[in-house]
Amino acid sequence: MIIIEWDERNREHFREHSRCTPAQVEDVLLARCHGPRRRQRKGPPGQQRRFRYEGQPCGGRFLVVIAAVRASGLVLRPTTCWPLVGVDRMRYLSWRKTARLR
């Protein structure tokens, strides 16, 4: 079971930028309606592992969500998000088609 970690700091970030809501972020991270594409982001050694999730919340918008992985990989702390557009969106849709065939 995956747990989404929210605190005042990351909630405030999402409120300030209003690019997506916590509910949309949870839809993507928990794959409530559509499976997300997950890729690890590169960072300096010793830094928390961060992943880029490309997905579509139940409401239909396409999003990129960046989340840090904590503990045993079952706790995700969202840090930011933005709309998934252009070539990245087309690549995600292509991936989603092929992911269903596997």
PDB file of N, CA and C in Angstrom:
ATOM      1  N   MET A   1       0.839  -1.182   0.000  1.00  0.00           N
ATOM      2  CA  MET A   1       0.000   0.000   0.000  1.00  0.00           C
ATOM      3  C   MET A   1       0.888   1.251   0.000  1.00  0.00           C
ATOM      4  N   ILE A   2       0.646   2.130  -0.931  1.00  0.00           N
ATOM      5  CA  ILE A   2       1.430   3.361  -1.038  1.00  0.00           C
ATOM      6  C   ILE A   2       0.761   4.454  -0.206  1.00  0.00           C
ATOM      7  N   ILE A   3       1.582   5.195   0.518  1.00  0.00           N
ATOM      8  CA  ILE A   3       1.101   6.304   1.346  1.00  0.00           C
ATOM      9  C   ILE A   3       1.623   7.608   0.749  1.00  0.00           C
ATOM     10  N   ILE A   4       0.737   8.579   0.597  1.00  0.00           N
ATOM     11  CA  ILE A   4       1.130   9.905   0.113  1.00  0.00           C
ATOM     12  C   ILE A   4       1.347  10.793   1.330  1.00  0.00           C
ATOM     13  N   GLU A   5       2.543  11.375   1.424  1.00  0.00           N
ATOM     14  CA  GLU A   5       2.890  12.202   2.582  1.00  0.00           C
ATOM     15  C   GLU A   5       2.658  13.681   2.277  1.00  0.00           C
ATOM     16  N   TRP A   6       1.725  14.270   2.985  1.00  0.00           N
ATOM     17  CA  TRP A   6       1.445  15.701   2.857  1.00  0.00           C
ATOM     18  C   TRP A   6       1.810  16.384   4.157  1.00  0.00           C
ATOM     19  N   ASP A   7       2.406  17.556   4.055  1.00  0.00           N
ATOM     20  CA  ASP A   7       2.636  18.409   5.214  1.00  0.00           C
ATOM     21  C   ASP A   7       2.345  19.847   4.770  1.00  0.00           C
ATOM     22  N   GLU A   8       2.452  20.772   5.678  1.00  0.00           N
ATOM     23  CA  GLU A   8       2.093  22.152   5.343  1.00  0.00           C
ATOM     24  C   GLU A   8       2.990  22.716   4.239  1.00  0.00           C
ATOM     25  N   ARG A   9       4.240  22.302   4.217  1.00  0.00           N
ATOM     26  CA  ARG A   9       5.184  22.834   3.226  1.00  0.00           C
ATOM     27  C   ARG A   9       4.790  22.450   1.796  1.00  0.00           C
ATOM     28  N   ASN A  10       4.544  21.169   1.560  1.00  0.00           N
ATOM     29  CA  ASN A  10       4.207  20.812   0.175  1.00  0.00           C
ATOM     30  C   ASN A  10       2.768  21.204  -0.177  1.00  0.00           C
ATOM     31  N   ARG A  11       1.857  21.212   0.785  1.00  0.00           N
ATOM     32  CA  ARG A  11       0.502  21.708   0.513  1.00  0.00           C
ATOM     33  C   ARG A  11       0.542  23.190   0.121  1.00  0.00           C
ATOM     34  N   GLU A  12       1.353  23.971   0.809  1.00  0.00           N
ATOM     35  CA  GLU A  12       1.481  25.402   0.504  1.00  0.00           C
ATOM     36  C   GLU A  12       2.040  25.606  -0.900  1.00  0.00           C
ATOM     37  N   HIS A  13       3.030  24.808  -1.263  1.00  0.00           N
ATOM     38  CA  HIS A  13       3.607  24.909  -2.606  1.00  0.00           C
ATOM     39  C   HIS A  13       2.529  24.680  -3.669  1.00  0.00           C
ATOM     40  N   PHE A  14       1.712  23.662  -3.486  1.00  0.00           N
ATOM     41  CA  PHE A  14       0.668  23.372  -4.462  1.00  0.00           C
ATOM     42  C   PHE A  14      -0.393  24.468  -4.485  1.00  0.00           C
ATOM     43  N   ARG A  15      -0.707  25.047  -3.345  1.00  0.00           N
ATOM     44  CA  ARG A  15      -1.675  26.158  -3.305  1.00  0.00           C
ATOM     45  C   ARG A  15      -1.123  27.390  -4.011  1.00  0.00           C
ATOM     46  N   GLU A  16       0.144  27.718  -3.761  1.00  0.00           N
ATOM     47  CA  GLU A  16       0.761  28.908  -4.358  1.00  0.00           C
ATOM     48  C   GLU A  16       0.787  28.843  -5.878  1.00  0.00           C
ATOM     49  N   HIS A  17       1.126  27.696  -6.406  1.00  0.00           N
ATOM     50  CA  HIS A  17       1.311  27.583  -7.853  1.00  0.00           C
ATOM     51  C   HIS A  17       0.045  27.164  -8.585  1.00  0.00           C
ATOM     52  N   SER A  18      -0.893  26.601  -7.893  1.00  0.00           N
ATOM     53  CA  SER A  18      -2.217  26.192  -8.401  1.00  0.00           C
ATOM     54  C   SER A  18      -2.186  25.575  -9.797  1.00  0.00           C
ATOM     55  N   ARG A  19      -1.182  24.752 -10.045  1.00  0.00           N
ATOM     56  CA  ARG A  19      -1.119  24.032 -11.322  1.00  0.00           C
ATOM     57  C   ARG A  19      -1.907  22.731 -11.255  1.00  0.00           C
ATOM     58  N   CYS A  20      -2.031  22.184 -10.055  1.00  0.00           N
ATOM     59  CA  CYS A  20      -2.813  20.973  -9.862  1.00  0.00           C
ATOM     60  C   CYS A  20      -3.175  20.858  -8.382  1.00  0.00           C
ATOM     61  N   THR A  21      -4.180  20.073  -8.114  1.00  0.00           N
ATOM     62  CA  THR A  21      -4.667  19.928  -6.739  1.00  0.00           C
ATOM     63  C   THR A  21      -4.072  18.673  -6.098  1.00  0.00           C
ATOM     64  N   PRO A  22      -4.089  18.613  -4.766  1.00  0.00           N
ATOM     65  CA  PRO A  22      -3.637  17.384  -4.105  1.00  0.00           C
ATOM     66  C   PRO A  22      -4.420  16.151  -4.561  1.00  0.00           C
ATOM     67  N   ALA A  23      -5.705  16.302  -4.838  1.00  0.00           N
ATOM     68  CA  ALA A  23      -6.505  15.161  -5.304  1.00  0.00           C
ATOM     69  C   ALA A  23      -6.012  14.670  -6.665  1.00  0.00           C
ATOM     70  N   GLN A  24      -5.668  15.584  -7.562  1.00  0.00           N
ATOM     71  CA  GLN A  24      -5.145  15.191  -8.872  1.00  0.00           C
ATOM     72  C   GLN A  24      -3.797  14.490  -8.729  1.00  0.00           C
ATOM     73  N   VAL A  25      -2.955  15.014  -7.835  1.00  0.00           N
ATOM     74  CA  VAL A  25      -1.646  14.406  -7.588  1.00  0.00           C
ATOM     75  C   VAL A  25      -1.828  12.979  -7.072  1.00  0.00           C
ATOM     76  N   GLU A  26      -2.739  12.798  -6.137  1.00  0.00           N
ATOM     77  CA  GLU A  26      -2.981  11.460  -5.592  1.00  0.00           C
ATOM     78  C   GLU A  26      -3.547  10.522  -6.653  1.00  0.00           C
ATOM     79  N   ASP A  27      -4.411  11.027  -7.540  1.00  0.00           N
ATOM     80  CA  ASP A  27      -4.921  10.201  -8.639  1.00  0.00           C
ATOM     81  C   ASP A  27      -3.777   9.645  -9.472  1.00  0.00           C
ATOM     82  N   VAL A  28      -2.797  10.490  -9.778  1.00  0.00           N
ATOM     83  CA  VAL A  28      -1.656  10.059 -10.598  1.00  0.00           C
ATOM     84  C   VAL A  28      -0.779   9.081  -9.815  1.00  0.00           C
ATOM     85  N   LEU A  29      -0.385   9.450  -8.603  1.00  0.00           N
ATOM     86  CA  LEU A  29       0.545   8.613  -7.833  1.00  0.00           C
ATOM     87  C   LEU A  29      -0.054   7.264  -7.454  1.00  0.00           C
ATOM     88  N   LEU A  30      -1.348   7.234  -7.186  1.00  0.00           N
ATOM     89  CA  LEU A  30      -1.993   5.989  -6.766  1.00  0.00           C
ATOM     90  C   LEU A  30      -2.622   5.233  -7.939  1.00  0.00           C
ATOM     91  N   ALA A  31      -2.481   5.772  -9.150  1.00  0.00           N
ATOM     92  CA  ALA A  31      -3.013   5.141 -10.364  1.00  0.00           C
ATOM     93  C   ALA A  31      -4.494   4.830 -10.208  1.00  0.00           C
ATOM     94  N   ARG A  32      -5.252   5.790  -9.733  1.00  0.00           N
ATOM     95  CA  ARG A  32      -6.678   5.557  -9.489  1.00  0.00           C
ATOM     96  C   ARG A  32      -7.455   5.319 -10.773  1.00  0.00           C
ATOM     97  N   CYS A  33      -7.131   6.032 -11.831  1.00  0.00           N
ATOM     98  CA  CYS A  33      -7.889   5.897 -13.088  1.00  0.00           C
ATOM     99  C   CYS A  33      -7.015   5.443 -14.253  1.00  0.00           C
ATOM    100  N   HIS A  34      -5.774   5.887 -14.291  1.00  0.00           N
ATOM    101  CA  HIS A  34      -4.855   5.542 -15.376  1.00  0.00           C
ATOM    102  C   HIS A  34      -3.476   5.283 -14.780  1.00  0.00           C
ATOM    103  N   GLY A  35      -2.773   4.334 -15.342  1.00  0.00           N
ATOM    104  CA  GLY A  35      -1.442   4.019 -14.844  1.00  0.00           C
ATOM    105  C   GLY A  35      -0.438   5.109 -15.178  1.00  0.00           C
ATOM    106  N   PRO A  36       0.383   5.504 -14.205  1.00  0.00           N
ATOM    107  CA  PRO A  36       1.409   6.506 -14.478  1.00  0.00           C
ATOM    108  C   PRO A  36       2.690   5.870 -15.017  1.00  0.00           C
ATOM    109  N   ARG A  37       3.405   6.642 -15.783  1.00  0.00           N
ATOM    110  CA  ARG A  37       4.741   6.252 -16.232  1.00  0.00           C
ATOM    111  C   ARG A  37       5.715   6.828 -15.216  1.00  0.00           C
ATOM    112  N   ARG A  38       6.567   5.983 -14.651  1.00  0.00           N
ATOM    113  CA  ARG A  38       7.480   6.426 -13.601  1.00  0.00           C
ATOM    114  C   ARG A  38       8.916   6.289 -14.074  1.00  0.00           C
ATOM    115  N   ARG A  39       9.674   7.390 -13.878  1.00  0.00           N
ATOM    116  CA  ARG A  39      11.101   7.386 -14.225  1.00  0.00           C
ATOM    117  C   ARG A  39      11.877   8.061 -13.114  1.00  0.00           C
ATOM    118  N   GLN A  40      13.009   7.472 -12.760  1.00  0.00           N
ATOM    119  CA  GLN A  40      13.834   8.067 -11.706  1.00  0.00           C
ATOM    120  C   GLN A  40      14.566   9.283 -12.241  1.00  0.00           C
ATOM    121  N   ARG A  41      14.610  10.319 -11.423  1.00  0.00           N
ATOM    122  CA  ARG A  41      15.338  11.539 -11.782  1.00  0.00           C
ATOM    123  C   ARG A  41      16.751  11.437 -11.240  1.00  0.00           C
ATOM    124  N   LYS A  42      17.683  11.966 -11.977  1.00  0.00           N
ATOM    125  CA  LYS A  42      19.073  11.950 -11.533  1.00  0.00           C
ATOM    126  C   LYS A  42      19.299  13.074 -10.536  1.00  0.00           C
ATOM    127  N   GLY A  43      20.117  12.794  -9.545  1.00  0.00           N
ATOM    128  CA  GLY A  43      20.442  13.795  -8.546  1.00  0.00           C
ATOM    129  C   GLY A  43      21.791  13.485  -7.934  1.00  0.00           C
ATOM    130  N   PRO A  44      22.284  14.375  -7.092  1.00  0.00           N
ATOM    131  CA  PRO A  44      23.579  14.133  -6.456  1.00  0.00           C
ATOM    132  C   PRO A  44      23.533  12.926  -5.528  1.00  0.00           C
ATOM    133  N   PRO A  45      24.666  12.258  -5.358  1.00  0.00           N
ATOM    134  CA  PRO A  45      24.717  11.107  -4.447  1.00  0.00           C
ATOM    135  C   PRO A  45      24.284  11.513  -3.035  1.00  0.00           C
ATOM    136  N   GLY A  46      23.547  10.637  -2.393  1.00  0.00           N
ATOM    137  CA  GLY A  46      23.093  10.898  -1.036  1.00  0.00           C
ATOM    138  C   GLY A  46      21.759  11.628  -0.959  1.00  0.00           C
ATOM    139  N   GLN A  47      21.312  12.190  -2.058  1.00  0.00           N
ATOM    140  CA  GLN A  47      20.023  12.885  -2.069  1.00  0.00           C
ATOM    141  C   GLN A  47      18.905  11.842  -2.127  1.00  0.00           C
ATOM    142  N   GLN A  48      17.757  12.197  -1.556  1.00  0.00           N
ATOM    143  CA  GLN A  48      16.604  11.311  -1.627  1.00  0.00           C
ATOM    144  C   GLN A  48      16.281  10.972  -3.071  1.00  0.00           C
ATOM    145  N   ARG A  49      15.857   9.746  -3.298  1.00  0.00           N
ATOM    146  CA  ARG A  49      15.448   9.368  -4.653  1.00  0.00           C
ATOM    147  C   ARG A  49      14.173  10.113  -5.012  1.00  0.00           C
ATOM    148  N   ARG A  50      14.155  10.653  -6.219  1.00  0.00           N
ATOM    149  CA  ARG A  50      12.974  11.355  -6.728  1.00  0.00           C
ATOM    150  C   ARG A  50      12.572  10.720  -8.050  1.00  0.00           C
ATOM    151  N   PHE A  51      11.269  10.664  -8.240  1.00  0.00           N
ATOM    152  CA  PHE A  51      10.736  10.086  -9.465  1.00  0.00           C
ATOM    153  C   PHE A  51       9.828  11.076 -10.155  1.00  0.00           C
ATOM    154  N   ARG A  52       9.801  10.976 -11.463  1.00  0.00           N
ATOM    155  CA  ARG A  52       8.900  11.766 -12.302  1.00  0.00           C
ATOM    156  C   ARG A  52       7.774  10.821 -12.705  1.00  0.00           C
ATOM    157  N   TYR A  53       6.568  11.190 -12.344  1.00  0.00           N
ATOM    158  CA  TYR A  53       5.380  10.422 -12.695  1.00  0.00           C
ATOM    159  C   TYR A  53       4.617  11.200 -13.750  1.00  0.00           C
ATOM    160  N   GLU A  54       4.368  10.571 -14.881  1.00  0.00           N
ATOM    161  CA  GLU A  54       3.540  11.170 -15.919  1.00  0.00           C
ATOM    162  C   GLU A  54       2.233  10.399 -15.907  1.00  0.00           C
ATOM    163  N   GLY A  55       1.124  11.114 -15.803  1.00  0.00           N
ATOM    164  CA  GLY A  55      -0.140  10.408 -15.734  1.00  0.00           C
ATOM    165  C   GLY A  55      -1.330  11.303 -15.989  1.00  0.00           C
ATOM    166  N   GLN A  56      -2.490  10.680 -15.853  1.00  0.00           N
ATOM    167  CA  GLN A  56      -3.745  11.371 -16.086  1.00  0.00           C
ATOM    168  C   GLN A  56      -4.666  11.125 -14.905  1.00  0.00           C
ATOM    169  N   PRO A  57      -4.999  12.189 -14.165  1.00  0.00           N
ATOM    170  CA  PRO A  57      -5.950  12.024 -13.070  1.00  0.00           C
ATOM    171  C   PRO A  57      -7.334  11.659 -13.604  1.00  0.00           C
ATOM    172  N   CYS A  58      -8.221  11.287 -12.721  1.00  0.00           N
ATOM    173  CA  CYS A  58      -9.577  10.899 -13.121  1.00  0.00           C
ATOM    174  C   CYS A  58     -10.301  12.030 -13.843  1.00  0.00           C
ATOM    175  N   GLY A  59      -9.957  13.289 -13.553  1.00  0.00           N
ATOM    176  CA  GLY A  59     -10.602  14.441 -14.174  1.00  0.00           C
ATOM    177  C   GLY A  59     -10.201  14.682 -15.610  1.00  0.00           C
ATOM    178  N   GLY A  60      -9.171  13.997 -16.100  1.00  0.00           N
ATOM    179  CA  GLY A  60      -8.821  14.099 -17.504  1.00  0.00           C
ATOM    180  C   GLY A  60      -7.573  14.878 -17.866  1.00  0.00           C
ATOM    181  N   ARG A  61      -7.108  15.805 -17.021  1.00  0.00           N
ATOM    182  CA  ARG A  61      -5.887  16.566 -17.338  1.00  0.00           C
ATOM    183  C   ARG A  61      -4.675  15.648 -17.283  1.00  0.00           C
ATOM    184  N   PHE A  62      -3.680  15.932 -18.102  1.00  0.00           N
ATOM    185  CA  PHE A  62      -2.433  15.174 -18.063  1.00  0.00           C
ATOM    186  C   PHE A  62      -1.437  15.955 -17.215  1.00  0.00           C
ATOM    187  N   LEU A  63      -0.731  15.261 -16.311  1.00  0.00           N
ATOM    188  CA  LEU A  63       0.176  15.937 -15.379  1.00  0.00           C
ATOM    189  C   LEU A  63       1.513  15.228 -15.270  1.00  0.00           C
ATOM    190  N   VAL A  64       2.518  16.008 -14.899  1.00  0.00           N
ATOM    191  CA  VAL A  64       3.809  15.496 -14.447  1.00  0.00           C
ATOM    192  C   VAL A  64       3.865  15.790 -12.957  1.00  0.00           C
ATOM    193  N   VAL A  65       4.157  14.772 -12.158  1.00  0.00           N
ATOM    194  CA  VAL A  65       4.276  14.942 -10.709  1.00  0.00           C
ATOM    195  C   VAL A  65       5.665  14.472 -10.309  1.00  0.00           C
ATOM    196  N   ILE A  66       6.357  15.292  -9.543  1.00  0.00           N
ATOM    197  CA  ILE A  66       7.655  14.907  -8.994  1.00  0.00           C
ATOM    198  C   ILE A  66       7.430  14.545  -7.532  1.00  0.00           C
ATOM    199  N   ALA A  67       7.933  13.367  -7.156  1.00  0.00           N
ATOM    200  CA  ALA A  67       7.742  12.906  -5.779  1.00  0.00           C
ATOM    201  C   ALA A  67       9.022  12.256  -5.270  1.00  0.00           C
ATOM    202  N   ALA A  68       9.319  12.531  -4.002  1.00  0.00           N
ATOM    203  CA  ALA A  68      10.447  11.892  -3.334  1.00  0.00           C
ATOM    204  C   ALA A  68       9.959  10.579  -2.738  1.00  0.00           C
ATOM    205  N   VAL A  69      10.820   9.570  -2.781  1.00  0.00           N
ATOM    206  CA  VAL A  69      10.483   8.261  -2.231  1.00  0.00           C
ATOM    207  C   VAL A  69      11.122   8.147  -0.862  1.00  0.00           C
ATOM    208  N   ARG A  70      10.316   7.778   0.103  1.00  0.00           N
ATOM    209  CA  ARG A  70      10.811   7.639   1.475  1.00  0.00           C
ATOM    210  C   ARG A  70      10.658   6.199   1.943  1.00  0.00           C
ATOM    211  N   ALA A  71      11.332   5.916   3.039  1.00  0.00           N
ATOM    212  CA  ALA A  71      11.241   4.617   3.721  1.00  0.00           C
ATOM    213  C   ALA A  71      11.498   3.475   2.744  1.00  0.00           C
ATOM    214  N   SER A  72      10.629   2.510   2.716  1.00  0.00           N
ATOM    215  CA  SER A  72      10.833   1.310   1.900  1.00  0.00           C
ATOM    216  C   SER A  72      10.264   1.462   0.496  1.00  0.00           C
ATOM    217  N   GLY A  73      10.054   2.688   0.064  1.00  0.00           N
ATOM    218  CA  GLY A  73       9.491   2.916  -1.250  1.00  0.00           C
ATOM    219  C   GLY A  73       7.979   2.963  -1.253  1.00  0.00           C
ATOM    220  N   LEU A  74       7.388   2.860  -0.074  1.00  0.00           N
ATOM    221  CA  LEU A  74       5.939   2.867   0.024  1.00  0.00           C
ATOM    222  C   LEU A  74       5.381   4.231   0.405  1.00  0.00           C
ATOM    223  N   VAL A  75       6.270   5.172   0.725  1.00  0.00           N
ATOM    224  CA  VAL A  75       5.838   6.520   1.095  1.00  0.00           C
ATOM    225  C   VAL A  75       6.332   7.489   0.022  1.00  0.00           C
ATOM    226  N   LEU A  76       5.412   8.222  -0.592  1.00  0.00           N
ATOM    227  CA  LEU A  76       5.753   9.199  -1.616  1.00  0.00           C
ATOM    228  C   LEU A  76       5.409  10.587  -1.111  1.00  0.00           C
ATOM    229  N   ARG A  77       6.360  11.519  -1.242  1.00  0.00           N
ATOM    230  CA  ARG A  77       6.130  12.908  -0.845  1.00  0.00           C
ATOM    231  C   ARG A  77       6.169  13.771  -2.101  1.00  0.00           C
ATOM    232  N   PRO A  78       4.982  14.204  -2.581  1.00  0.00           N
ATOM    233  CA  PRO A  78       4.956  15.050  -3.774  1.00  0.00           C
ATOM    234  C   PRO A  78       5.617  16.394  -3.516  1.00  0.00           C
ATOM    235  N   THR A  79       6.418  16.848  -4.482  1.00  0.00           N
ATOM    236  CA  THR A  79       7.096  18.125  -4.304  1.00  0.00           C
ATOM    237  C   THR A  79       6.632  19.189  -5.283  1.00  0.00           C
ATOM    238  N   THR A  80       6.266  18.791  -6.501  1.00  0.00           N
ATOM    239  CA  THR A  80       5.768  19.759  -7.473  1.00  0.00           C
ATOM    240  C   THR A  80       5.043  19.034  -8.597  1.00  0.00           C
ATOM    241  N   CYS A  81       4.360  19.792  -9.426  1.00  0.00           N
ATOM    242  CA  CYS A  81       3.688  19.218 -10.599  1.00  0.00           C
ATOM    243  C   CYS A  81       3.479  20.309 -11.640  1.00  0.00           C
ATOM    244  N   TRP A  82       3.202  19.881 -12.860  1.00  0.00           N
ATOM    245  CA  TRP A  82       2.886  20.809 -13.938  1.00  0.00           C
ATOM    246  C   TRP A  82       2.143  20.033 -15.021  1.00  0.00           C
ATOM    247  N   PRO A  83       1.496  20.736 -15.947  1.00  0.00           N
ATOM    248  CA  PRO A  83       0.772  20.052 -17.016  1.00  0.00           C
ATOM    249  C   PRO A  83       1.723  19.279 -17.936  1.00  0.00           C
ATOM    250  N   LEU A  84       1.290  18.128 -18.365  1.00  0.00           N
ATOM    251  CA  LEU A  84       2.034  17.303 -19.322  1.00  0.00           C
ATOM    252  C   LEU A  84       1.504  17.664 -20.707  1.00  0.00           C
ATOM    253  N   VAL A  85       2.351  18.287 -21.515  1.00  0.00           N
ATOM    254  CA  VAL A  85       1.911  18.797 -22.817  1.00  0.00           C
ATOM    255  C   VAL A  85       2.902  18.420 -23.916  1.00  0.00           C
ATOM    256  N   GLY A  86       2.495  18.669 -25.129  1.00  0.00           N
ATOM    257  CA  GLY A  86       3.380  18.534 -26.284  1.00  0.00           C
ATOM    258  C   GLY A  86       3.895  17.130 -26.514  1.00  0.00           C
ATOM    259  N   VAL A  87       5.171  17.053 -26.861  1.00  0.00           N
ATOM    260  CA  VAL A  87       5.808  15.782 -27.188  1.00  0.00           C
ATOM    261  C   VAL A  87       5.783  14.840 -25.990  1.00  0.00           C
ATOM    262  N   ASP A  88       5.976  15.368 -24.792  1.00  0.00           N
ATOM    263  CA  ASP A  88       5.954  14.508 -23.604  1.00  0.00           C
ATOM    264  C   ASP A  88       4.594  13.837 -23.430  1.00  0.00           C
ATOM    265  N   ARG A  89       3.542  14.579 -23.690  1.00  0.00           N
ATOM    266  CA  ARG A  89       2.194  14.005 -23.588  1.00  0.00           C
ATOM    267  C   ARG A  89       1.996  12.913 -24.637  1.00  0.00           C
ATOM    268  N   MET A  90       2.455  13.153 -25.854  1.00  0.00           N
ATOM    269  CA  MET A  90       2.323  12.153 -26.913  1.00  0.00           C
ATOM    270  C   MET A  90       3.122  10.893 -26.575  1.00  0.00           C
ATOM    271  N   ARG A  91       4.307  11.075 -25.994  1.00  0.00           N
ATOM    272  CA  ARG A  91       5.118   9.908 -25.589  1.00  0.00           C
ATOM    273  C   ARG A  91       4.419   9.123 -24.482  1.00  0.00           C
ATOM    274  N   TYR A  92       3.813   9.832 -23.540  1.00  0.00           N
ATOM    275  CA  TYR A  92       3.086   9.156 -22.460  1.00  0.00           C
ATOM    276  C   TYR A  92       1.926   8.339 -23.041  1.00  0.00           C
ATOM    277  N   LEU A  93       1.145   8.937 -23.932  1.00  0.00           N
ATOM    278  CA  LEU A  93       0.009   8.222 -24.520  1.00  0.00           C
ATOM    279  C   LEU A  93       0.469   7.004 -25.312  1.00  0.00           C
ATOM    280  N   SER A  94       1.582   7.128 -26.016  1.00  0.00           N
ATOM    281  CA  SER A  94       2.141   6.005 -26.749  1.00  0.00           C
ATOM    282  C   SER A  94       2.589   4.914 -25.776  1.00  0.00           C
ATOM    283  N   TRP A  95       3.246   5.299 -24.697  1.00  0.00           N
ATOM    284  CA  TRP A  95       3.672   4.352 -23.667  1.00  0.00           C
ATOM    285  C   TRP A  95       2.464   3.653 -23.068  1.00  0.00           C
ATOM    286  N   ARG A  96       1.415   4.397 -22.785  1.00  0.00           N
ATOM    287  CA  ARG A  96       0.226   3.819 -22.156  1.00  0.00           C
ATOM    288  C   ARG A  96      -0.415   2.763 -23.056  1.00  0.00           C
ATOM    289  N   LYS A  97      -0.419   3.014 -24.357  1.00  0.00           N
ATOM    290  CA  LYS A  97      -0.963   2.009 -25.284  1.00  0.00           C
ATOM    291  C   LYS A  97      -0.147   0.720 -25.237  1.00  0.00           C
ATOM    292  N   THR A  98       1.176   0.844 -25.263  1.00  0.00           N
ATOM    293  CA  THR A  98       2.020  -0.343 -25.259  1.00  0.00           C
ATOM    294  C   THR A  98       2.061  -1.016 -23.891  1.00  0.00           C
ATOM    295  N   ALA A  99       1.899  -0.245 -22.822  1.00  0.00           N
ATOM    296  CA  ALA A  99       1.901  -0.818 -21.473  1.00  0.00           C
ATOM    297  C   ALA A  99       0.710  -1.739 -21.281  1.00  0.00           C
ATOM    298  N   ARG A 100      -0.410  -1.445 -21.909  1.00  0.00           N
ATOM    299  CA  ARG A 100      -1.604  -2.301 -21.802  1.00  0.00           C
ATOM    300  C   ARG A 100      -1.391  -3.647 -22.489  1.00  0.00           C
ATOM    301  N   LEU A 101      -0.537  -3.660 -23.499  1.00  0.00           N
ATOM    302  CA  LEU A 101      -0.315  -4.888 -24.259  1.00  0.00           C
ATOM    303  C   LEU A 101       0.621  -5.851 -23.548  1.00  0.00           C
ATOM    304  N   ARG A 102       1.349  -5.380 -22.576  1.00  0.00           N
ATOM    305  CA  ARG A 102       2.335  -6.239 -21.875  1.00  0.00           C
ATOM    306  C   ARG A 102       1.659  -7.165 -20.911  1.00  0.00           C
TER     307      ARG A 102
END
